[in-house]
Amino acid sequence: VARVLGLPFPGGPEVDKLAREGNPLAIR
């Protein structure tokens, strides 16, 4: 998912970091 979002490697921590700025209930 990180690759699809264009996030750098390693992707896991980058997704976690970006998620802090988003709404976890925005998309089901």
mmCIF file of all heavy atoms, coordinates in Angstrom:
data_MODEL
# 
_entry.id   MODEL 
# 
loop_
_atom_site.group_PDB 
_atom_site.id 
_atom_site.type_symbol 
_atom_site.label_atom_id 
_atom_site.label_alt_id 
_atom_site.label_comp_id 
_atom_site.label_asym_id 
_atom_site.label_entity_id 
_atom_site.label_seq_id 
_atom_site.pdbx_PDB_ins_code 
_atom_site.Cartn_x 
_atom_site.Cartn_y 
_atom_site.Cartn_z 
_atom_site.occupancy 
_atom_site.B_iso_or_equiv 
_atom_site.pdbx_formal_charge 
_atom_site.auth_seq_id 
_atom_site.auth_comp_id 
_atom_site.auth_asym_id 
_atom_site.auth_atom_id 
_atom_site.pdbx_PDB_model_num 
ATOM 1   N N   . VAL A 1 1  ? 0.840   -1.199 0.000  1.00 0.00 ? 1  VAL A N   1 
ATOM 2   C CA  . VAL A 1 1  ? 0.000   0.000  0.000  1.00 0.00 ? 1  VAL A CA  1 
ATOM 3   C C   . VAL A 1 1  ? 0.876   1.251  0.000  1.00 0.00 ? 1  VAL A C   1 
ATOM 4   O O   . VAL A 1 1  ? 0.558   2.247  -0.657 1.00 0.00 ? 1  VAL A O   1 
ATOM 5   C CB  . VAL A 1 1  ? -0.957  -0.015 1.214  1.00 0.00 ? 1  VAL A CB  1 
ATOM 6   C CG1 . VAL A 1 1  ? -1.622  1.352  1.392  1.00 0.00 ? 1  VAL A CG1 1 
ATOM 7   C CG2 . VAL A 1 1  ? -2.016  -1.091 1.042  1.00 0.00 ? 1  VAL A CG2 1 
ATOM 8   N N   . ALA A 1 2  ? 1.996   1.184  0.707  1.00 0.00 ? 2  ALA A N   1 
ATOM 9   C CA  . ALA A 1 2  ? 2.921   2.318  0.722  1.00 0.00 ? 2  ALA A CA  1 
ATOM 10  C C   . ALA A 1 2  ? 3.430   2.627  -0.685 1.00 0.00 ? 2  ALA A C   1 
ATOM 11  O O   . ALA A 1 2  ? 3.531   3.804  -1.080 1.00 0.00 ? 2  ALA A O   1 
ATOM 12  C CB  . ALA A 1 2  ? 4.096   2.031  1.659  1.00 0.00 ? 2  ALA A CB  1 
ATOM 13  N N   . ARG A 1 3  ? 3.735   1.587  -1.452 1.00 0.00 ? 3  ARG A N   1 
ATOM 14  C CA  . ARG A 1 3  ? 4.212   1.791  -2.819 1.00 0.00 ? 3  ARG A CA  1 
ATOM 15  C C   . ARG A 1 3  ? 3.148   2.462  -3.681 1.00 0.00 ? 3  ARG A C   1 
ATOM 16  O O   . ARG A 1 3  ? 3.438   3.365  -4.464 1.00 0.00 ? 3  ARG A O   1 
ATOM 17  C CB  . ARG A 1 3  ? 4.623   0.457  -3.457 1.00 0.00 ? 3  ARG A CB  1 
ATOM 18  C CG  . ARG A 1 3  ? 5.858   -0.177 -2.848 1.00 0.00 ? 3  ARG A CG  1 
ATOM 19  C CD  . ARG A 1 3  ? 6.380   -1.324 -3.720 1.00 0.00 ? 3  ARG A CD  1 
ATOM 20  N NE  . ARG A 1 3  ? 7.337   -2.146 -2.980 1.00 0.00 ? 3  ARG A NE  1 
ATOM 21  C CZ  . ARG A 1 3  ? 7.062   -3.311 -2.444 1.00 0.00 ? 3  ARG A CZ  1 
ATOM 22  N NH1 . ARG A 1 3  ? 5.843   -3.807 -2.552 1.00 0.00 ? 3  ARG A NH1 1 
ATOM 23  N NH2 . ARG A 1 3  ? 7.975   -3.999 -1.803 1.00 0.00 ? 3  ARG A NH2 1 
ATOM 24  N N   . VAL A 1 4  ? 1.916   2.008  -3.523 1.00 0.00 ? 4  VAL A N   1 
ATOM 25  C CA  . VAL A 1 4  ? 0.813   2.586  -4.294 1.00 0.00 ? 4  VAL A CA  1 
ATOM 26  C C   . VAL A 1 4  ? 0.621   4.062  -3.943 1.00 0.00 ? 4  VAL A C   1 
ATOM 27  O O   . VAL A 1 4  ? 0.283   4.882  -4.802 1.00 0.00 ? 4  VAL A O   1 
ATOM 28  C CB  . VAL A 1 4  ? -0.493  1.802  -4.028 1.00 0.00 ? 4  VAL A CB  1 
ATOM 29  C CG1 . VAL A 1 4  ? -1.672  2.478  -4.717 1.00 0.00 ? 4  VAL A CG1 1 
ATOM 30  C CG2 . VAL A 1 4  ? -0.357  0.370  -4.517 1.00 0.00 ? 4  VAL A CG2 1 
ATOM 31  N N   . LEU A 1 5  ? 0.853   4.391  -2.692 1.00 0.00 ? 5  LEU A N   1 
ATOM 32  C CA  . LEU A 1 5  ? 0.706   5.776  -2.247 1.00 0.00 ? 5  LEU A CA  1 
ATOM 33  C C   . LEU A 1 5  ? 1.955   6.613  -2.530 1.00 0.00 ? 5  LEU A C   1 
ATOM 34  O O   . LEU A 1 5  ? 1.978   7.810  -2.240 1.00 0.00 ? 5  LEU A O   1 
ATOM 35  C CB  . LEU A 1 5  ? 0.400   5.817  -0.742 1.00 0.00 ? 5  LEU A CB  1 
ATOM 36  C CG  . LEU A 1 5  ? -0.975  5.276  -0.322 1.00 0.00 ? 5  LEU A CG  1 
ATOM 37  C CD1 . LEU A 1 5  ? -1.082  5.222  1.198  1.00 0.00 ? 5  LEU A CD1 1 
ATOM 38  C CD2 . LEU A 1 5  ? -2.083  6.140  -0.892 1.00 0.00 ? 5  LEU A CD2 1 
ATOM 39  N N   . GLY A 1 6  ? 2.981   5.980  -3.097 1.00 0.00 ? 6  GLY A N   1 
ATOM 40  C CA  . GLY A 1 6  ? 4.203   6.702  -3.432 1.00 0.00 ? 6  GLY A CA  1 
ATOM 41  C C   . GLY A 1 6  ? 5.076   7.035  -2.239 1.00 0.00 ? 6  GLY A C   1 
ATOM 42  O O   . GLY A 1 6  ? 5.866   7.985  -2.287 1.00 0.00 ? 6  GLY A O   1 
ATOM 43  N N   . LEU A 1 7  ? 4.970   6.232  -1.186 1.00 0.00 ? 7  LEU A N   1 
ATOM 44  C CA  . LEU A 1 7  ? 5.754   6.471  0.022  1.00 0.00 ? 7  LEU A CA  1 
ATOM 45  C C   . LEU A 1 7  ? 7.103   5.756  -0.076 1.00 0.00 ? 7  LEU A C   1 
ATOM 46  O O   . LEU A 1 7  ? 7.212   4.709  -0.712 1.00 0.00 ? 7  LEU A O   1 
ATOM 47  C CB  . LEU A 1 7  ? 4.996   5.985  1.255  1.00 0.00 ? 7  LEU A CB  1 
ATOM 48  C CG  . LEU A 1 7  ? 3.629   6.642  1.490  1.00 0.00 ? 7  LEU A CG  1 
ATOM 49  C CD1 . LEU A 1 7  ? 2.935   6.013  2.693  1.00 0.00 ? 7  LEU A CD1 1 
ATOM 50  C CD2 . LEU A 1 7  ? 3.791   8.147  1.700  1.00 0.00 ? 7  LEU A CD2 1 
ATOM 51  N N   . PRO A 1 8  ? 8.128   6.301  0.570  1.00 0.00 ? 8  PRO A N   1 
ATOM 52  C CA  . PRO A 1 8  ? 9.469   5.686  0.490  1.00 0.00 ? 8  PRO A CA  1 
ATOM 53  C C   . PRO A 1 8  ? 9.581   4.406  1.288  1.00 0.00 ? 8  PRO A C   1 
ATOM 54  O O   . PRO A 1 8  ? 8.756   4.100  2.142  1.00 0.00 ? 8  PRO A O   1 
ATOM 55  C CB  . PRO A 1 8  ? 10.382  6.781  1.054  1.00 0.00 ? 8  PRO A CB  1 
ATOM 56  C CG  . PRO A 1 8  ? 9.510   7.576  1.966  1.00 0.00 ? 8  PRO A CG  1 
ATOM 57  C CD  . PRO A 1 8  ? 8.149   7.569  1.326  1.00 0.00 ? 8  PRO A CD  1 
ATOM 58  N N   . PHE A 1 9  ? 10.639  3.633  1.004  1.00 0.00 ? 9  PHE A N   1 
ATOM 59  C CA  . PHE A 1 9  ? 10.961  2.402  1.719  1.00 0.00 ? 9  PHE A CA  1 
ATOM 60  C C   . PHE A 1 9  ? 11.716  2.746  3.000  1.00 0.00 ? 9  PHE A C   1 
ATOM 61  O O   . PHE A 1 9  ? 12.554  3.666  2.994  1.00 0.00 ? 9  PHE A O   1 
ATOM 62  C CB  . PHE A 1 9  ? 11.835  1.523  0.815  1.00 0.00 ? 9  PHE A CB  1 
ATOM 63  C CG  . PHE A 1 9  ? 12.380  0.285  1.492  1.00 0.00 ? 9  PHE A CG  1 
ATOM 64  C CD1 . PHE A 1 9  ? 11.610  -0.853 1.602  1.00 0.00 ? 9  PHE A CD1 1 
ATOM 65  C CD2 . PHE A 1 9  ? 13.664  0.283  2.017  1.00 0.00 ? 9  PHE A CD2 1 
ATOM 66  C CE1 . PHE A 1 9  ? 12.112  -1.989 2.226  1.00 0.00 ? 9  PHE A CE1 1 
ATOM 67  C CE2 . PHE A 1 9  ? 14.169  -0.837 2.637  1.00 0.00 ? 9  PHE A CE2 1 
ATOM 68  C CZ  . PHE A 1 9  ? 13.382  -1.979 2.740  1.00 0.00 ? 9  PHE A CZ  1 
ATOM 69  N N   . PRO A 1 10 ? 11.457  2.041  4.112  1.00 0.00 ? 10 PRO A N   1 
ATOM 70  C CA  . PRO A 1 10 ? 10.463  0.985  4.296  1.00 0.00 ? 10 PRO A CA  1 
ATOM 71  C C   . PRO A 1 10 ? 9.059   1.557  4.468  1.00 0.00 ? 10 PRO A C   1 
ATOM 72  O O   . PRO A 1 10 ? 8.862   2.567  5.141  1.00 0.00 ? 10 PRO A O   1 
ATOM 73  C CB  . PRO A 1 10 ? 10.938  0.272  5.562  1.00 0.00 ? 10 PRO A CB  1 
ATOM 74  C CG  . PRO A 1 10 ? 11.677  1.329  6.321  1.00 0.00 ? 10 PRO A CG  1 
ATOM 75  C CD  . PRO A 1 10 ? 12.327  2.204  5.298  1.00 0.00 ? 10 PRO A CD  1 
ATOM 76  N N   . GLY A 1 11 ? 8.083   0.914  3.838  1.00 0.00 ? 11 GLY A N   1 
ATOM 77  C CA  . GLY A 1 11 ? 6.754   1.477  3.727  1.00 0.00 ? 11 GLY A CA  1 
ATOM 78  C C   . GLY A 1 11 ? 5.915   1.478  4.990  1.00 0.00 ? 11 GLY A C   1 
ATOM 79  O O   . GLY A 1 11 ? 5.140   2.414  5.217  1.00 0.00 ? 11 GLY A O   1 
ATOM 80  N N   . GLY A 1 12 ? 6.046   0.440  5.825  1.00 0.00 ? 12 GLY A N   1 
ATOM 81  C CA  . GLY A 1 12 ? 5.205   0.331  7.014  1.00 0.00 ? 12 GLY A CA  1 
ATOM 82  C C   . GLY A 1 12 ? 5.233   1.561  7.912  1.00 0.00 ? 12 GLY A C   1 
ATOM 83  O O   . GLY A 1 12 ? 4.180   2.141  8.214  1.00 0.00 ? 12 GLY A O   1 
ATOM 84  N N   . PRO A 1 13 ? 6.412   1.993  8.350  1.00 0.00 ? 13 PRO A N   1 
ATOM 85  C CA  . PRO A 1 13 ? 6.477   3.181  9.206  1.00 0.00 ? 13 PRO A CA  1 
ATOM 86  C C   . PRO A 1 13 ? 5.958   4.438  8.515  1.00 0.00 ? 13 PRO A C   1 
ATOM 87  O O   . PRO A 1 13 ? 5.410   5.329  9.174  1.00 0.00 ? 13 PRO A O   1 
ATOM 88  C CB  . PRO A 1 13 ? 7.984   3.301  9.507  1.00 0.00 ? 13 PRO A CB  1 
ATOM 89  C CG  . PRO A 1 13 ? 8.514   1.920  9.345  1.00 0.00 ? 13 PRO A CG  1 
ATOM 90  C CD  . PRO A 1 13 ? 7.721   1.327  8.223  1.00 0.00 ? 13 PRO A CD  1 
ATOM 91  N N   . GLU A 1 14 ? 6.129   4.510  7.189  1.00 0.00 ? 14 GLU A N   1 
ATOM 92  C CA  . GLU A 1 14 ? 5.662   5.686  6.449  1.00 0.00 ? 14 GLU A CA  1 
ATOM 93  C C   . GLU A 1 14 ? 4.132   5.733  6.406  1.00 0.00 ? 14 GLU A C   1 
ATOM 94  O O   . GLU A 1 14 ? 3.531   6.809  6.496  1.00 0.00 ? 14 GLU A O   1 
ATOM 95  C CB  . GLU A 1 14 ? 6.234   5.676  5.032  1.00 0.00 ? 14 GLU A CB  1 
ATOM 96  C CG  . GLU A 1 14 ? 7.742   5.854  4.972  1.00 0.00 ? 14 GLU A CG  1 
ATOM 97  C CD  . GLU A 1 14 ? 8.188   7.205  5.499  1.00 0.00 ? 14 GLU A CD  1 
ATOM 98  O OE1 . GLU A 1 14 ? 7.437   8.184  5.349  1.00 0.00 ? 14 GLU A OE1 1 
ATOM 99  O OE2 . GLU A 1 14 ? 9.302   7.274  6.068  1.00 0.00 ? 14 GLU A OE2 1 
ATOM 100 N N   . VAL A 1 15 ? 3.495   4.578  6.252  1.00 0.00 ? 15 VAL A N   1 
ATOM 101 C CA  . VAL A 1 15 ? 2.029   4.531  6.286  1.00 0.00 ? 15 VAL A CA  1 
ATOM 102 C C   . VAL A 1 15 ? 1.527   4.960  7.661  1.00 0.00 ? 15 VAL A C   1 
ATOM 103 O O   . VAL A 1 15 ? 0.575   5.734  7.784  1.00 0.00 ? 15 VAL A O   1 
ATOM 104 C CB  . VAL A 1 15 ? 1.517   3.112  5.949  1.00 0.00 ? 15 VAL A CB  1 
ATOM 105 C CG1 . VAL A 1 15 ? 0.005   3.012  6.202  1.00 0.00 ? 15 VAL A CG1 1 
ATOM 106 C CG2 . VAL A 1 15 ? 1.817   2.767  4.499  1.00 0.00 ? 15 VAL A CG2 1 
ATOM 107 N N   . ASP A 1 16 ? 2.163   4.456  8.694  1.00 0.00 ? 16 ASP A N   1 
ATOM 108 C CA  . ASP A 1 16 ? 1.790   4.805  10.065 1.00 0.00 ? 16 ASP A CA  1 
ATOM 109 C C   . ASP A 1 16 ? 1.935   6.309  10.288 1.00 0.00 ? 16 ASP A C   1 
ATOM 110 O O   . ASP A 1 16 ? 1.063   6.953  10.897 1.00 0.00 ? 16 ASP A O   1 
ATOM 111 C CB  . ASP A 1 16 ? 2.679   4.026  11.042 1.00 0.00 ? 16 ASP A CB  1 
ATOM 112 C CG  . ASP A 1 16 ? 2.220   4.174  12.486 1.00 0.00 ? 16 ASP A CG  1 
ATOM 113 O OD1 . ASP A 1 16 ? 1.049   4.542  12.715 1.00 0.00 ? 16 ASP A OD1 1 
ATOM 114 O OD2 . ASP A 1 16 ? 3.023   3.919  13.402 1.00 0.00 ? 16 ASP A OD2 1 
ATOM 115 N N   . LYS A 1 17 ? 3.013   6.873  9.776  1.00 0.00 ? 17 LYS A N   1 
ATOM 116 C CA  . LYS A 1 17 ? 3.258   8.312  9.931  1.00 0.00 ? 17 LYS A CA  1 
ATOM 117 C C   . LYS A 1 17 ? 2.200   9.132  9.202  1.00 0.00 ? 17 LYS A C   1 
ATOM 118 O O   . LYS A 1 17 ? 1.651   10.103 9.747  1.00 0.00 ? 17 LYS A O   1 
ATOM 119 C CB  . LYS A 1 17 ? 4.655   8.646  9.396  1.00 0.00 ? 17 LYS A CB  1 
ATOM 120 C CG  . LYS A 1 17 ? 5.041   10.108 9.502  1.00 0.00 ? 17 LYS A CG  1 
ATOM 121 C CD  . LYS A 1 17 ? 6.445   10.319 8.955  1.00 0.00 ? 17 LYS A CD  1 
ATOM 122 C CE  . LYS A 1 17 ? 6.843   11.790 8.996  1.00 0.00 ? 17 LYS A CE  1 
ATOM 123 N NZ  . LYS A 1 17 ? 8.214   11.978 8.422  1.00 0.00 ? 17 LYS A NZ  1 
ATOM 124 N N   . LEU A 1 18 ? 1.897   8.764  7.952  1.00 0.00 ? 18 LEU A N   1 
ATOM 125 C CA  . LEU A 1 18 ? 0.906   9.488  7.165  1.00 0.00 ? 18 LEU A CA  1 
ATOM 126 C C   . LEU A 1 18 ? -0.484  9.331  7.762  1.00 0.00 ? 18 LEU A C   1 
ATOM 127 O O   . LEU A 1 18 ? -1.292  10.271 7.735  1.00 0.00 ? 18 LEU A O   1 
ATOM 128 C CB  . LEU A 1 18 ? 0.924   8.974  5.723  1.00 0.00 ? 18 LEU A CB  1 
ATOM 129 C CG  . LEU A 1 18 ? -0.070  9.613  4.736  1.00 0.00 ? 18 LEU A CG  1 
ATOM 130 C CD1 . LEU A 1 18 ? 0.185   11.115 4.612  1.00 0.00 ? 18 LEU A CD1 1 
ATOM 131 C CD2 . LEU A 1 18 ? 0.032   8.937  3.372  1.00 0.00 ? 18 LEU A CD2 1 
ATOM 132 N N   . ALA A 1 19 ? -0.762  8.173  8.315  1.00 0.00 ? 19 ALA A N   1 
ATOM 133 C CA  . ALA A 1 19 ? -2.088  7.903  8.877  1.00 0.00 ? 19 ALA A CA  1 
ATOM 134 C C   . ALA A 1 19 ? -2.436  8.832  10.028 1.00 0.00 ? 19 ALA A C   1 
ATOM 135 O O   . ALA A 1 19 ? -3.622  9.079  10.305 1.00 0.00 ? 19 ALA A O   1 
ATOM 136 C CB  . ALA A 1 19 ? -2.164  6.449  9.338  1.00 0.00 ? 19 ALA A CB  1 
ATOM 137 N N   . ARG A 1 20 ? -1.455  9.356  10.691 1.00 0.00 ? 20 ARG A N   1 
ATOM 138 C CA  . ARG A 1 20 ? -1.706  10.265 11.810 1.00 0.00 ? 20 ARG A CA  1 
ATOM 139 C C   . ARG A 1 20 ? -2.405  11.538 11.350 1.00 0.00 ? 20 ARG A C   1 
ATOM 140 O O   . ARG A 1 20 ? -3.041  12.234 12.145 1.00 0.00 ? 20 ARG A O   1 
ATOM 141 C CB  . ARG A 1 20 ? -0.389  10.614 12.505 1.00 0.00 ? 20 ARG A CB  1 
ATOM 142 C CG  . ARG A 1 20 ? 0.351   9.402  13.051 1.00 0.00 ? 20 ARG A CG  1 
ATOM 143 C CD  . ARG A 1 20 ? 1.582   9.769  13.813 1.00 0.00 ? 20 ARG A CD  1 
ATOM 144 N NE  . ARG A 1 20 ? 2.360   8.586  14.141 1.00 0.00 ? 20 ARG A NE  1 
ATOM 145 C CZ  . ARG A 1 20 ? 3.322   8.547  15.052 1.00 0.00 ? 20 ARG A CZ  1 
ATOM 146 N NH1 . ARG A 1 20 ? 3.629   9.631  15.731 1.00 0.00 ? 20 ARG A NH1 1 
ATOM 147 N NH2 . ARG A 1 20 ? 3.981   7.421  15.284 1.00 0.00 ? 20 ARG A NH2 1 
ATOM 148 N N   . GLU A 1 21 ? -2.271  11.864 10.066 1.00 0.00 ? 21 GLU A N   1 
ATOM 149 C CA  . GLU A 1 21 ? -2.876  13.075 9.520  1.00 0.00 ? 21 GLU A CA  1 
ATOM 150 C C   . GLU A 1 21 ? -4.252  12.805 8.920  1.00 0.00 ? 21 GLU A C   1 
ATOM 151 O O   . GLU A 1 21 ? -4.932  13.719 8.459  1.00 0.00 ? 21 GLU A O   1 
ATOM 152 C CB  . GLU A 1 21 ? -1.967  13.668 8.433  1.00 0.00 ? 21 GLU A CB  1 
ATOM 153 C CG  . GLU A 1 21 ? -0.549  13.960 8.904  1.00 0.00 ? 21 GLU A CG  1 
ATOM 154 C CD  . GLU A 1 21 ? 0.362   14.349 7.746  1.00 0.00 ? 21 GLU A CD  1 
ATOM 155 O OE1 . GLU A 1 21 ? -0.157  14.623 6.645  1.00 0.00 ? 21 GLU A OE1 1 
ATOM 156 O OE2 . GLU A 1 21 ? 1.591   14.355 7.955  1.00 0.00 ? 21 GLU A OE2 1 
ATOM 157 N N   . GLY A 1 22 ? -4.669  11.519 8.891  1.00 0.00 ? 22 GLY A N   1 
ATOM 158 C CA  . GLY A 1 22 ? -5.919  11.159 8.241  1.00 0.00 ? 22 GLY A CA  1 
ATOM 159 C C   . GLY A 1 22 ? -7.001  10.710 9.197  1.00 0.00 ? 22 GLY A C   1 
ATOM 160 O O   . GLY A 1 22 ? -6.793  10.585 10.406 1.00 0.00 ? 22 GLY A O   1 
ATOM 161 N N   . ASN A 1 23 ? -8.171  10.434 8.623  1.00 0.00 ? 23 ASN A N   1 
ATOM 162 C CA  . ASN A 1 23 ? -9.334  9.977  9.380  1.00 0.00 ? 23 ASN A CA  1 
ATOM 163 C C   . ASN A 1 23 ? -9.491  8.469  9.169  1.00 0.00 ? 23 ASN A C   1 
ATOM 164 O O   . ASN A 1 23 ? -9.780  8.023  8.053  1.00 0.00 ? 23 ASN A O   1 
ATOM 165 C CB  . ASN A 1 23 ? -10.588 10.703 8.896  1.00 0.00 ? 23 ASN A CB  1 
ATOM 166 C CG  . ASN A 1 23 ? -11.852 10.211 9.589  1.00 0.00 ? 23 ASN A CG  1 
ATOM 167 O OD1 . ASN A 1 23 ? -11.799 9.423  10.535 1.00 0.00 ? 23 ASN A OD1 1 
ATOM 168 N ND2 . ASN A 1 23 ? -13.001 10.681 9.123  1.00 0.00 ? 23 ASN A ND2 1 
ATOM 169 N N   . PRO A 1 24 ? -9.323  7.660  10.207 1.00 0.00 ? 24 PRO A N   1 
ATOM 170 C CA  . PRO A 1 24 ? -9.408  6.203  10.059 1.00 0.00 ? 24 PRO A CA  1 
ATOM 171 C C   . PRO A 1 24 ? -10.811 5.710  9.718  1.00 0.00 ? 24 PRO A C   1 
ATOM 172 O O   . PRO A 1 24 ? -10.988 4.551  9.346  1.00 0.00 ? 24 PRO A O   1 
ATOM 173 C CB  . PRO A 1 24 ? -8.952  5.677  11.421 1.00 0.00 ? 24 PRO A CB  1 
ATOM 174 C CG  . PRO A 1 24 ? -9.234  6.793  12.365 1.00 0.00 ? 24 PRO A CG  1 
ATOM 175 C CD  . PRO A 1 24 ? -8.991  8.053  11.588 1.00 0.00 ? 24 PRO A CD  1 
ATOM 176 N N   . LEU A 1 25 ? -11.810 6.587  9.828  1.00 0.00 ? 25 LEU A N   1 
ATOM 177 C CA  . LEU A 1 25 ? -13.190 6.215  9.516  1.00 0.00 ? 25 LEU A CA  1 
ATOM 178 C C   . LEU A 1 25 ? -13.652 6.792  8.190  1.00 0.00 ? 25 LEU A C   1 
ATOM 179 O O   . LEU A 1 25 ? -14.822 6.641  7.821  1.00 0.00 ? 25 LEU A O   1 
ATOM 180 C CB  . LEU A 1 25 ? -14.125 6.693  10.643 1.00 0.00 ? 25 LEU A CB  1 
ATOM 181 C CG  . LEU A 1 25 ? -13.799 6.185  12.059 1.00 0.00 ? 25 LEU A CG  1 
ATOM 182 C CD1 . LEU A 1 25 ? -14.784 6.766  13.061 1.00 0.00 ? 25 LEU A CD1 1 
ATOM 183 C CD2 . LEU A 1 25 ? -13.801 4.675  12.103 1.00 0.00 ? 25 LEU A CD2 1 
ATOM 184 N N   . ALA A 1 26 ? -12.748 7.411  7.467  1.00 0.00 ? 26 ALA A N   1 
ATOM 185 C CA  . ALA A 1 26 ? -13.127 8.075  6.222  1.00 0.00 ? 26 ALA A CA  1 
ATOM 186 C C   . ALA A 1 26 ? -13.578 7.093  5.150  1.00 0.00 ? 26 ALA A C   1 
ATOM 187 O O   . ALA A 1 26 ? -14.500 7.381  4.375  1.00 0.00 ? 26 ALA A O   1 
ATOM 188 C CB  . ALA A 1 26 ? -11.957 8.909  5.708  1.00 0.00 ? 26 ALA A CB  1 
ATOM 189 N N   . ILE A 1 27 ? -12.937 5.929  5.081  1.00 0.00 ? 27 ILE A N   1 
ATOM 190 C CA  . ILE A 1 27 ? -13.230 4.933  4.046  1.00 0.00 ? 27 ILE A CA  1 
ATOM 191 C C   . ILE A 1 27 ? -13.421 3.581  4.722  1.00 0.00 ? 27 ILE A C   1 
ATOM 192 O O   . ILE A 1 27 ? -12.586 3.158  5.526  1.00 0.00 ? 27 ILE A O   1 
ATOM 193 C CB  . ILE A 1 27 ? -12.086 4.829  3.019  1.00 0.00 ? 27 ILE A CB  1 
ATOM 194 C CG1 . ILE A 1 27 ? -11.698 6.218  2.501  1.00 0.00 ? 27 ILE A CG1 1 
ATOM 195 C CG2 . ILE A 1 27 ? -12.465 3.904  1.872  1.00 0.00 ? 27 ILE A CG2 1 
ATOM 196 C CD1 . ILE A 1 27 ? -10.331 6.278  1.862  1.00 0.00 ? 27 ILE A CD1 1 
ATOM 197 N N   . ARG A 1 28 ? -14.488 2.907  4.384  1.00 0.00 ? 28 ARG A N   1 
ATOM 198 C CA  . ARG A 1 28 ? -14.762 1.605  4.996  1.00 0.00 ? 28 ARG A CA  1 
ATOM 199 C C   . ARG A 1 28 ? -14.176 0.507  4.109  1.00 0.00 ? 28 ARG A C   1 
ATOM 200 O O   . ARG A 1 28 ? -14.837 -0.022 3.213  1.00 0.00 ? 28 ARG A O   1 
ATOM 201 C CB  . ARG A 1 28 ? -16.264 1.383  5.155  1.00 0.00 ? 28 ARG A CB  1 
ATOM 202 C CG  . ARG A 1 28 ? -16.643 0.034  5.758  1.00 0.00 ? 28 ARG A CG  1 
ATOM 203 C CD  . ARG A 1 28 ? -16.171 -0.118 7.191  1.00 0.00 ? 28 ARG A CD  1 
ATOM 204 N NE  . ARG A 1 28 ? -16.441 -1.474 7.696  1.00 0.00 ? 28 ARG A NE  1 
ATOM 205 C CZ  . ARG A 1 28 ? -16.159 -1.874 8.924  1.00 0.00 ? 28 ARG A CZ  1 
ATOM 206 N NH1 . ARG A 1 28 ? -15.603 -1.028 9.777  1.00 0.00 ? 28 ARG A NH1 1 
ATOM 207 N NH2 . ARG A 1 28 ? -16.440 -3.101 9.303  1.00 0.00 ? 28 ARG A NH2 1 
# 
